[in-house]
Amino acid sequence: MSSLLLCSTPVRGHVTPLLAVARALVGAGHDVRFLTGRTYREAVEQTGARWCALPAEADYDDSDMDAAFPARVGRTGVAGVRWDLQHIFLDPAPAQLRAVDELLATHPADAVLTESMFLGAMLLLSRPAAERPPVINLGIIPLGLRSRDTAPFALGIPPRPGSVGRARNALLTWSTDRFVFGDLQRAAARQVRDIVGAELRTPVMNYPSLADAVVQFSVPEFEYPRTDVRTPVHFVGPVSLADASSIPVPDWWGDLDADRPVVHVTQGTVANADLNDLVLPTIDALADRDVLVVATTGGRELPRRPLPANARIAAYLPYDRLFPRTSVLVTNGGYGGVHYALAHGVPVVATGNTEDKAEVAARVAWSGVGLRLKPTRSGIAPTRIAHAVDEILGNGSYRERAAHIGAAITRAPGPLGIEAVLDSLAGARTS
């Protein structure tokens, strides 16, 4: 049995995957502490892990980020991203590190497991390896390790082979470091010097490369190859393929048995405040198609407007029973939801262009499991959605490729794959 410390920023999209990790590791007999915000105490304790509180200066209510951080209101695009990275993620790093140190002082851990935006881990990893436990970075979003073979993370630009591609990547990396993340890099370097007394040895957004290992919750078939990365990367498959769901089925559930394709559309459980972004345009786009459109609101209020005859909607649906009947997923590109679809061999139309979703959408197209639709300022025209669904339903190669990756996911160990990584790190420390 290992003593493990899980760390997450107090943001739902970051905490939720780690809850599945905690549940799996507790079930395997490990002693797990989970450092995160007060909002998630009950959810953590339900996994069997022990909840540990972040300091007040590193905790906030993520249900309304504008209320928690009034100065971010009105900031959009690159300026908004830079503000969030500095104030929501980097500024709390010293308090995060202090909490980690206090927990390790009272109860040493065999390893610290942390998601990438918990930037206290950047400070921890700036110490010599002999002065800290092994640190494992948990890849709950697409792999972002810097490489000559890939464009900088967050741009959503797929690889281009050969010397031309590498030259493009080098230019993009230089310009991104200089013009997008320059201020953030200087601020992070100051933190490392002031708090750790060392120099930051890598660009701040590439700090997971300093980890002893990266556990990526995907399979190699859905990730860009990198020939020059030295940090050990272990692909273990998605965090969860979900146990049998207890979500009740709606009274229209029997309509799924009709002999026509089922198209599921969702904006997930985070970026779903405005269903006009994707859910309602998809319903309208397919109103005249011989398909059944099944939508979820991710817990939001159901729309009051009339729906076309071939559309159904619910707040939540049991995915373990829905996806085996689904022909196409239309999504804004949540990492977990896309992997769940692929696990069932379901091809994907991905539209996301914010957070990590642009990177997910780029991988959907690159891997051949579906199509990417880039939104414009006015959104995505319903005709584009309809054409994309028509293409996937009419071209079996997308389903074949999704089934191929689904088979790889089925073979993967999931979160329990972390145990082999822990064993290898323990062996390396004692050898």
Protein backbone atom coordinates (compact mmCIF):
# COMPACT_ATOMS: atom_id res chain seq x y z
CA MET A 1 0.00 0.00 0.00
CA SER A 2 1.28 3.48 -0.90
CA SER A 3 0.57 6.79 0.80
CA LEU A 4 -0.49 9.20 -1.94
CA LEU A 5 -1.29 12.90 -2.05
CA LEU A 6 -3.62 14.02 -4.86
CA CYS A 7 -3.69 17.74 -5.65
CA SER A 8 -6.17 19.72 -7.73
CA THR A 9 -7.18 23.31 -8.28
CA PRO A 10 -10.74 23.88 -7.01
CA VAL A 11 -12.30 23.76 -10.49
CA ARG A 12 -14.92 21.14 -11.37
CA GLY A 13 -13.36 20.15 -14.67
CA HIS A 14 -10.07 19.48 -12.88
CA VAL A 15 -11.42 17.85 -9.72
CA THR A 16 -13.90 15.46 -11.36
CA PRO A 17 -11.36 13.27 -13.22
CA LEU A 18 -9.23 13.07 -10.08
CA LEU A 19 -12.24 11.83 -8.11
CA ALA A 20 -12.27 8.77 -10.36
CA VAL A 21 -8.53 8.37 -9.77
CA ALA A 22 -9.00 8.64 -6.01
CA ARG A 23 -11.83 6.11 -6.04
CA ALA A 24 -9.76 3.59 -7.97
CA LEU A 25 -6.66 3.97 -5.81
CA VAL A 26 -8.61 3.80 -2.55
CA GLY A 27 -10.34 0.67 -3.87
CA ALA A 28 -6.93 -0.86 -4.54
CA GLY A 29 -5.96 -0.32 -0.90
CA HIS A 30 -3.85 2.84 -1.09
CA ASP A 31 -3.93 5.58 1.52
CA VAL A 32 -5.12 8.64 -0.43
CA ARG A 33 -5.31 12.25 0.68
CA PHE A 34 -6.91 14.76 -1.69
CA LEU A 35 -5.94 18.43 -1.47
CA THR A 36 -8.52 20.74 -3.03
CA GLY A 37 -11.20 23.33 -2.30
CA ARG A 38 -13.96 23.21 0.30
CA THR A 39 -16.68 22.97 -2.34
CA TYR A 40 -15.50 19.46 -3.16
CA ARG A 41 -15.11 18.05 0.34
CA GLU A 42 -18.18 15.81 0.18
CA ALA A 43 -17.34 14.53 -3.29
CA VAL A 44 -13.80 13.68 -2.17
CA GLU A 45 -14.96 11.90 0.96
CA GLN A 46 -17.41 9.81 -1.06
CA THR A 47 -14.42 8.29 -2.88
CA GLY A 48 -12.97 7.08 0.41
CA ALA A 49 -10.06 9.52 0.24
CA ARG A 50 -9.34 11.99 3.01
CA TRP A 51 -10.11 15.56 2.03
CA CYS A 52 -7.49 18.19 2.83
CA ALA A 53 -8.30 21.89 2.61
CA LEU A 54 -6.49 24.32 0.39
CA PRO A 55 -5.56 27.57 2.16
CA ALA A 56 -8.12 30.33 1.78
CA GLU A 57 -5.90 32.30 -0.59
CA ALA A 58 -5.79 29.29 -2.94
CA ASP A 59 -9.49 28.45 -2.71
CA TYR A 60 -12.43 29.99 -4.55
CA ASP A 61 -15.95 29.24 -5.75
CA ASP A 62 -15.63 28.05 -9.35
CA SER A 63 -19.40 28.07 -9.92
CA ASP A 64 -19.13 31.79 -10.73
CA MET A 65 -15.58 32.68 -11.69
CA ASP A 66 -16.47 36.27 -12.53
CA ALA A 67 -17.82 36.77 -9.02
CA ALA A 68 -14.76 35.11 -7.50
CA PHE A 69 -12.43 37.19 -9.69
CA PRO A 70 -14.22 40.45 -10.60
CA ALA A 71 -11.18 41.82 -12.42
CA ARG A 72 -11.49 39.16 -15.11
CA VAL A 73 -14.91 40.43 -16.26
CA GLY A 74 -14.80 41.61 -19.85
CA ARG A 75 -11.45 40.02 -20.64
CA THR A 76 -11.69 37.74 -23.65
CA GLY A 77 -9.43 36.03 -26.15
CA VAL A 78 -5.70 35.96 -25.48
CA ALA A 79 -5.96 38.72 -22.88
CA GLY A 80 -8.50 36.68 -20.95
CA VAL A 81 -6.38 33.54 -21.10
CA ARG A 82 -3.32 35.40 -19.84
CA TRP A 83 -5.27 36.97 -16.98
CA ASP A 84 -6.70 33.61 -15.91
CA LEU A 85 -3.32 31.87 -16.01
CA GLN A 86 -1.71 34.57 -13.91
CA HIS A 87 -4.39 35.21 -11.31
CA ILE A 88 -6.45 32.02 -11.09
CA PHE A 89 -3.64 29.50 -11.48
CA LEU A 90 -0.19 31.03 -10.86
CA ASP A 91 -0.91 33.43 -8.00
CA PRO A 92 -2.18 30.63 -5.67
CA ALA A 93 0.92 28.48 -6.29
CA PRO A 94 2.87 29.58 -3.18
CA ALA A 95 -0.11 28.84 -0.93
CA GLN A 96 -0.58 25.50 -2.67
CA LEU A 97 3.05 24.59 -2.05
CA ARG A 98 2.76 25.60 1.59
CA ALA A 99 -0.23 23.29 1.99
CA VAL A 100 1.63 20.42 0.32
CA ASP A 101 4.66 20.95 2.56
CA GLU A 102 2.52 20.98 5.71
CA LEU A 103 0.77 17.76 4.71
CA LEU A 104 4.05 16.03 3.87
CA ALA A 105 5.59 17.18 7.16
CA THR A 106 2.82 15.57 9.21
CA HIS A 107 2.38 12.49 7.02
CA PRO A 108 5.02 11.75 4.35
CA ALA A 109 3.76 10.51 0.98
CA ASP A 110 5.26 7.95 -1.36
CA ALA A 111 4.20 10.15 -4.28
CA VAL A 112 2.40 13.39 -5.07
CA LEU A 113 -0.08 13.19 -7.96
CA THR A 114 -1.19 16.48 -9.45
CA GLU A 115 -3.11 17.85 -12.39
CA SER A 116 -1.26 20.31 -14.60
CA MET A 117 -2.93 23.56 -13.52
CA PHE A 118 -2.04 23.01 -9.87
CA LEU A 119 1.01 25.23 -10.27
CA GLY A 120 2.20 24.61 -6.75
CA ALA A 121 3.60 21.47 -8.36
CA MET A 122 5.82 23.66 -10.53
CA LEU A 123 7.41 25.03 -7.35
CA LEU A 124 7.69 21.56 -5.82
CA LEU A 125 9.38 20.22 -8.98
CA SER A 126 11.88 23.08 -8.95
CA ARG A 127 13.45 21.51 -5.85
CA PRO A 128 16.10 18.79 -6.16
CA ALA A 129 14.58 15.33 -6.46
CA ALA A 130 16.21 14.28 -3.18
CA GLU A 131 14.27 16.99 -1.33
CA ARG A 132 10.78 15.94 -2.40
CA PRO A 133 8.71 12.82 -3.04
CA PRO A 134 8.26 11.56 -6.59
CA VAL A 135 5.77 13.72 -8.48
CA ILE A 136 3.42 12.29 -11.11
CA ASN A 137 1.65 14.65 -13.47
CA LEU A 138 -1.88 13.46 -14.28
CA GLY A 139 -2.87 14.15 -17.88
CA ILE A 140 -6.56 14.95 -17.65
CA ILE A 141 -6.32 17.12 -20.79
CA PRO A 142 -4.44 16.43 -24.04
CA LEU A 143 -0.70 15.95 -23.60
CA GLY A 144 1.00 19.34 -23.61
CA LEU A 145 4.67 18.42 -23.32
CA ARG A 146 6.72 20.64 -25.59
CA SER A 147 8.28 18.99 -28.62
CA ARG A 148 9.93 19.93 -31.90
CA ASP A 149 7.24 17.73 -33.48
CA THR A 150 4.23 19.70 -32.23
CA ALA A 151 2.92 23.25 -32.23
CA PRO A 152 2.61 24.99 -28.83
CA PHE A 153 -0.22 23.69 -26.71
CA ALA A 154 -3.57 25.57 -26.77
CA LEU A 155 -3.33 26.69 -30.40
CA GLY A 156 -5.20 23.62 -31.64
CA ILE A 157 -2.78 23.16 -34.54
CA PRO A 158 -2.11 19.53 -35.56
CA PRO A 159 1.36 18.27 -36.47
CA ARG A 160 2.92 18.74 -39.89
CA PRO A 161 5.57 16.19 -40.82
CA GLY A 162 9.16 16.80 -41.82
CA SER A 163 11.52 19.75 -41.61
CA VAL A 164 8.84 22.21 -42.74
CA GLY A 165 6.65 21.20 -39.83
CA ARG A 166 9.47 21.48 -37.35
CA ALA A 167 10.41 24.93 -38.63
CA ARG A 168 6.79 26.02 -38.31
CA ASN A 169 6.65 24.66 -34.75
CA ALA A 170 9.86 26.44 -33.77
CA LEU A 171 8.54 29.77 -35.07
CA LEU A 172 5.19 29.33 -33.33
CA THR A 173 6.92 28.36 -30.10
CA TRP A 174 9.21 31.40 -30.21
CA SER A 175 6.37 33.81 -30.92
CA THR A 176 4.08 32.27 -28.29
CA ASP A 177 6.77 32.42 -25.62
CA ARG A 178 7.58 36.02 -26.49
CA PHE A 179 4.20 37.57 -27.15
CA VAL A 180 1.63 35.39 -25.33
CA PHE A 181 3.32 33.94 -22.25
CA GLY A 182 6.26 36.28 -21.72
CA ASP A 183 4.82 38.05 -18.66
CA LEU A 184 3.61 34.75 -17.20
CA GLN A 185 7.05 33.21 -17.65
CA ARG A 186 8.74 36.09 -15.86
CA ALA A 187 6.24 35.92 -13.00
CA ALA A 188 6.69 32.16 -12.65
CA ALA A 189 10.48 32.49 -12.71
CA ARG A 190 10.29 35.10 -9.93
CA GLN A 191 8.18 32.73 -7.83
CA VAL A 192 10.68 29.91 -8.25
CA ARG A 193 13.62 32.18 -7.35
CA ASP A 194 11.89 33.79 -4.37
CA ILE A 195 10.30 30.66 -2.88
CA VAL A 196 12.57 27.80 -3.91
CA GLY A 197 15.83 29.67 -4.48
CA ALA A 198 16.33 28.09 -7.88
CA GLU A 199 15.83 28.90 -11.53
CA LEU A 200 12.79 27.70 -13.48
CA ARG A 201 14.32 25.21 -15.89
CA THR A 202 11.60 25.17 -18.53
CA PRO A 203 8.80 27.37 -19.87
CA VAL A 204 6.06 27.62 -17.27
CA MET A 205 3.45 25.92 -19.46
CA ASN A 206 5.86 23.02 -19.97
CA TYR A 207 6.62 22.48 -16.29
CA PRO A 208 5.07 18.94 -16.28
CA SER A 209 8.22 17.92 -18.18
CA LEU A 210 10.00 18.25 -14.81
CA ALA A 211 7.81 15.54 -13.27
CA ASP A 212 9.16 12.08 -12.55
CA ALA A 213 6.44 10.67 -14.80
CA VAL A 214 3.34 11.69 -16.69
CA VAL A 215 0.28 9.47 -16.53
CA GLN A 216 -1.81 10.36 -19.57
CA PHE A 217 -5.48 9.39 -19.47
CA SER A 218 -5.66 8.46 -23.13
CA VAL A 219 -4.15 5.96 -25.56
CA PRO A 220 -1.23 6.57 -27.95
CA GLU A 221 -3.54 6.31 -30.95
CA PHE A 222 -5.24 9.56 -29.88
CA GLU A 223 -2.10 11.55 -29.16
CA TYR A 224 0.54 13.21 -31.32
CA PRO A 225 3.88 11.38 -31.50
CA ARG A 226 6.85 13.19 -29.96
CA THR A 227 10.31 11.89 -30.77
CA ASP A 228 12.27 14.14 -28.43
CA VAL A 229 10.37 14.01 -25.13
CA ARG A 230 12.46 12.59 -22.28
CA THR A 231 9.89 12.65 -19.48
CA PRO A 232 8.39 9.14 -19.13
CA VAL A 233 4.81 9.20 -20.44
CA HIS A 234 2.51 6.32 -19.50
CA PHE A 235 -0.77 6.00 -21.41
CA VAL A 236 -3.34 4.27 -19.21
CA GLY A 237 -6.63 5.04 -20.98
CA PRO A 238 -9.48 7.27 -19.77
CA VAL A 239 -10.06 7.93 -16.08
CA SER A 240 -13.45 6.29 -16.22
CA LEU A 241 -15.57 4.17 -18.50
CA ALA A 242 -18.32 4.62 -15.92
CA ASP A 243 -19.98 2.01 -13.80
CA ALA A 244 -23.63 1.26 -14.39
CA SER A 245 -25.39 4.61 -14.22
CA SER A 246 -28.17 5.27 -11.73
CA ILE A 247 -29.58 8.13 -13.82
CA PRO A 248 -33.23 7.33 -14.61
CA VAL A 249 -34.24 7.12 -18.25
CA PRO A 250 -36.83 9.61 -19.56
CA ASP A 251 -40.24 8.47 -20.71
CA TRP A 252 -39.17 8.79 -24.38
CA TRP A 253 -36.29 6.31 -23.97
CA GLY A 254 -38.07 3.69 -26.07
CA ASP A 255 -37.73 5.98 -29.11
CA LEU A 256 -34.08 4.95 -29.25
CA ASP A 257 -35.19 1.53 -30.45
CA ALA A 258 -36.46 2.90 -33.76
CA ASP A 259 -34.50 1.90 -36.86
CA ARG A 260 -32.72 5.19 -37.49
CA PRO A 261 -29.33 6.64 -36.46
CA VAL A 262 -29.06 8.31 -33.06
CA VAL A 263 -27.09 11.58 -32.92
CA HIS A 264 -26.18 12.70 -29.42
CA VAL A 265 -25.31 16.37 -28.83
CA THR A 266 -23.92 17.82 -25.63
CA GLN A 267 -21.99 20.81 -24.31
CA GLY A 268 -20.83 18.85 -21.27
CA THR A 269 -21.32 19.96 -17.69
CA VAL A 270 -19.17 23.11 -17.65
CA ALA A 271 -19.40 25.14 -20.90
CA ASN A 272 -23.16 24.75 -21.12
CA ALA A 273 -24.52 28.09 -19.92
CA ASP A 274 -25.82 28.94 -23.39
CA LEU A 275 -27.32 26.02 -25.30
CA ASN A 276 -27.37 28.19 -28.41
CA ASP A 277 -23.65 27.52 -28.69
CA LEU A 278 -24.15 23.98 -29.96
CA VAL A 279 -27.10 21.99 -28.60
CA LEU A 280 -29.94 23.99 -30.14
CA PRO A 281 -28.16 24.65 -33.47
CA THR A 282 -27.59 20.89 -33.83
CA ILE A 283 -31.21 20.13 -33.09
CA ASP A 284 -32.27 22.66 -35.73
CA ALA A 285 -29.65 21.50 -38.23
CA LEU A 286 -30.91 17.92 -38.21
CA ALA A 287 -34.63 18.64 -38.01
CA ASP A 288 -35.22 17.40 -41.56
CA ARG A 289 -32.88 14.40 -41.37
CA ASP A 290 -33.98 10.81 -40.78
CA VAL A 291 -32.18 10.63 -37.44
CA LEU A 292 -33.11 10.86 -33.78
CA VAL A 293 -31.32 13.77 -32.10
CA VAL A 294 -30.78 13.18 -28.39
CA ALA A 295 -29.51 16.13 -26.37
CA THR A 296 -28.42 16.73 -22.79
CA THR A 297 -28.13 20.07 -21.02
CA GLY A 298 -25.53 18.95 -18.48
CA GLY A 299 -27.86 19.83 -15.63
CA ARG A 300 -29.06 23.15 -17.01
CA GLU A 301 -32.75 23.99 -17.32
CA LEU A 302 -34.41 22.40 -20.32
CA PRO A 303 -35.25 24.84 -23.12
CA ARG A 304 -38.88 25.90 -23.23
CA ARG A 305 -39.03 26.32 -27.00
CA PRO A 306 -40.72 23.60 -29.06
CA LEU A 307 -38.44 20.90 -30.41
CA PRO A 308 -38.58 19.26 -33.85
CA ALA A 309 -40.37 15.93 -34.02
CA ASN A 310 -37.08 14.02 -34.23
CA ALA A 311 -35.45 15.64 -31.17
CA ARG A 312 -35.42 14.59 -27.52
CA ILE A 313 -33.72 16.30 -24.56
CA ALA A 314 -32.95 15.66 -20.90
CA ALA A 315 -30.76 17.21 -18.21
CA TYR A 316 -28.71 14.02 -17.91
CA LEU A 317 -28.79 10.59 -19.53
CA PRO A 318 -27.20 7.26 -18.60
CA TYR A 319 -24.22 7.19 -20.96
CA ASP A 320 -23.52 3.51 -20.35
CA ARG A 321 -26.86 2.77 -22.02
CA LEU A 322 -26.94 5.67 -24.50
CA PHE A 323 -23.60 5.30 -26.27
CA PRO A 324 -24.04 1.68 -27.39
CA ARG A 325 -27.05 3.01 -29.37
CA THR A 326 -25.37 6.18 -30.64
CA SER A 327 -24.14 6.67 -34.23
CA VAL A 328 -22.51 10.13 -33.91
CA LEU A 329 -21.51 12.38 -31.02
CA VAL A 330 -21.66 16.16 -31.58
CA THR A 331 -19.72 17.87 -28.80
CA ASN A 332 -17.77 20.96 -27.84
CA GLY A 333 -14.90 18.60 -27.10
CA GLY A 334 -14.59 17.64 -23.45
CA TYR A 335 -11.67 15.23 -23.09
CA GLY A 336 -13.58 12.72 -20.98
CA GLY A 337 -16.73 12.75 -23.10
CA VAL A 338 -14.82 12.24 -26.35
CA HIS A 339 -12.95 9.28 -24.85
CA TYR A 340 -16.21 7.79 -23.60
CA ALA A 341 -17.61 7.96 -27.12
CA LEU A 342 -14.47 6.43 -28.61
CA ALA A 343 -14.57 3.63 -26.06
CA HIS A 344 -17.88 2.67 -27.66
CA GLY A 345 -16.61 3.15 -31.21
CA VAL A 346 -18.71 6.28 -31.76
CA PRO A 347 -17.29 8.85 -34.22
CA VAL A 348 -17.26 12.50 -33.26
CA VAL A 349 -18.02 16.00 -34.55
CA ALA A 350 -15.98 18.32 -32.31
CA THR A 351 -16.49 22.09 -32.25
CA GLY A 352 -14.61 23.38 -29.21
CA ASN A 353 -12.30 26.36 -29.52
CA THR A 354 -11.66 27.35 -25.89
CA GLU A 355 -9.68 25.97 -22.93
CA ASP A 356 -8.25 22.59 -23.96
CA LYS A 357 -11.14 21.87 -26.31
CA ALA A 358 -9.36 23.20 -29.41
CA GLU A 359 -6.66 20.62 -28.76
CA VAL A 360 -9.24 17.84 -28.35
CA ALA A 361 -10.98 18.85 -31.57
CA ALA A 362 -7.67 18.91 -33.44
CA ARG A 363 -6.94 15.36 -32.28
CA VAL A 364 -10.39 14.19 -33.37
CA ALA A 365 -9.61 15.24 -36.93
CA TRP A 366 -5.95 14.15 -36.84
CA SER A 367 -6.76 10.64 -35.60
CA GLY A 368 -9.50 10.13 -38.19
CA VAL A 369 -12.28 9.45 -35.68
CA GLY A 370 -14.38 12.40 -36.79
CA LEU A 371 -14.53 15.97 -38.00
CA ARG A 372 -13.58 19.30 -36.51
CA LEU A 373 -15.78 22.36 -36.98
CA LYS A 374 -14.11 25.62 -36.03
CA PRO A 375 -16.61 28.20 -34.78
CA THR A 376 -16.67 31.71 -36.16
CA ARG A 377 -17.58 34.83 -34.19
CA SER A 378 -21.23 34.15 -34.96
CA GLY A 379 -20.98 30.52 -33.90
CA ILE A 380 -21.38 27.46 -36.12
CA ALA A 381 -23.92 27.55 -38.91
CA PRO A 382 -26.45 24.71 -38.66
CA THR A 383 -25.72 23.78 -42.30
CA ARG A 384 -22.11 23.00 -41.35
CA ILE A 385 -23.26 20.74 -38.52
CA ALA A 386 -25.70 18.94 -40.82
CA HIS A 387 -23.05 18.39 -43.50
CA ALA A 388 -20.59 17.04 -40.92
CA VAL A 389 -23.12 14.56 -39.53
CA ASP A 390 -24.07 13.51 -43.07
CA GLU A 391 -20.39 12.92 -43.90
CA ILE A 392 -19.81 10.74 -40.86
CA LEU A 393 -22.98 8.71 -41.34
CA GLY A 394 -22.16 8.18 -45.00
CA ASN A 395 -18.46 7.34 -44.61
CA GLY A 396 -17.68 4.21 -42.63
CA SER A 397 -14.01 5.09 -42.19
CA TYR A 398 -14.78 7.33 -39.22
CA ARG A 399 -16.58 4.56 -37.35
CA GLU A 400 -13.83 2.08 -38.25
CA ARG A 401 -11.17 4.38 -36.85
CA ALA A 402 -13.24 5.10 -33.75
CA ALA A 403 -13.67 1.36 -33.21
CA HIS A 404 -9.91 0.86 -33.56
CA ILE A 405 -9.18 3.44 -30.86
CA GLY A 406 -12.04 2.07 -28.79
CA ALA A 407 -10.35 -1.32 -28.78
CA ALA A 408 -7.14 0.29 -27.51
CA ILE A 409 -9.11 2.02 -24.75
CA THR A 410 -10.72 -1.28 -23.75
CA ARG A 411 -7.27 -2.87 -23.38
CA ALA A 412 -5.94 0.00 -21.26
CA PRO A 413 -5.86 -0.37 -17.46
CA GLY A 414 -7.39 3.02 -16.60
CA PRO A 415 -6.43 4.74 -13.31
CA LEU A 416 -5.08 1.51 -11.83
CA GLY A 417 -2.30 1.80 -14.39
CA ILE A 418 -0.85 4.31 -11.93
CA GLU A 419 0.19 1.40 -9.70
CA ALA A 420 2.81 0.20 -12.19
CA VAL A 421 4.17 3.74 -12.43
CA LEU A 422 4.41 3.96 -8.65
CA ASP A 423 6.29 0.68 -8.55
CA SER A 424 8.75 1.85 -11.20
CA LEU A 425 9.41 5.12 -9.38
CA ALA A 426 9.89 3.34 -6.07
CA GLY A 427 12.37 0.98 -7.71
CA ALA A 428 14.27 3.87 -9.29
CA ARG A 429 14.58 5.61 -5.91
CA THR A 430 15.96 2.53 -4.15
CA SER A 431 18.30 1.37 -6.92
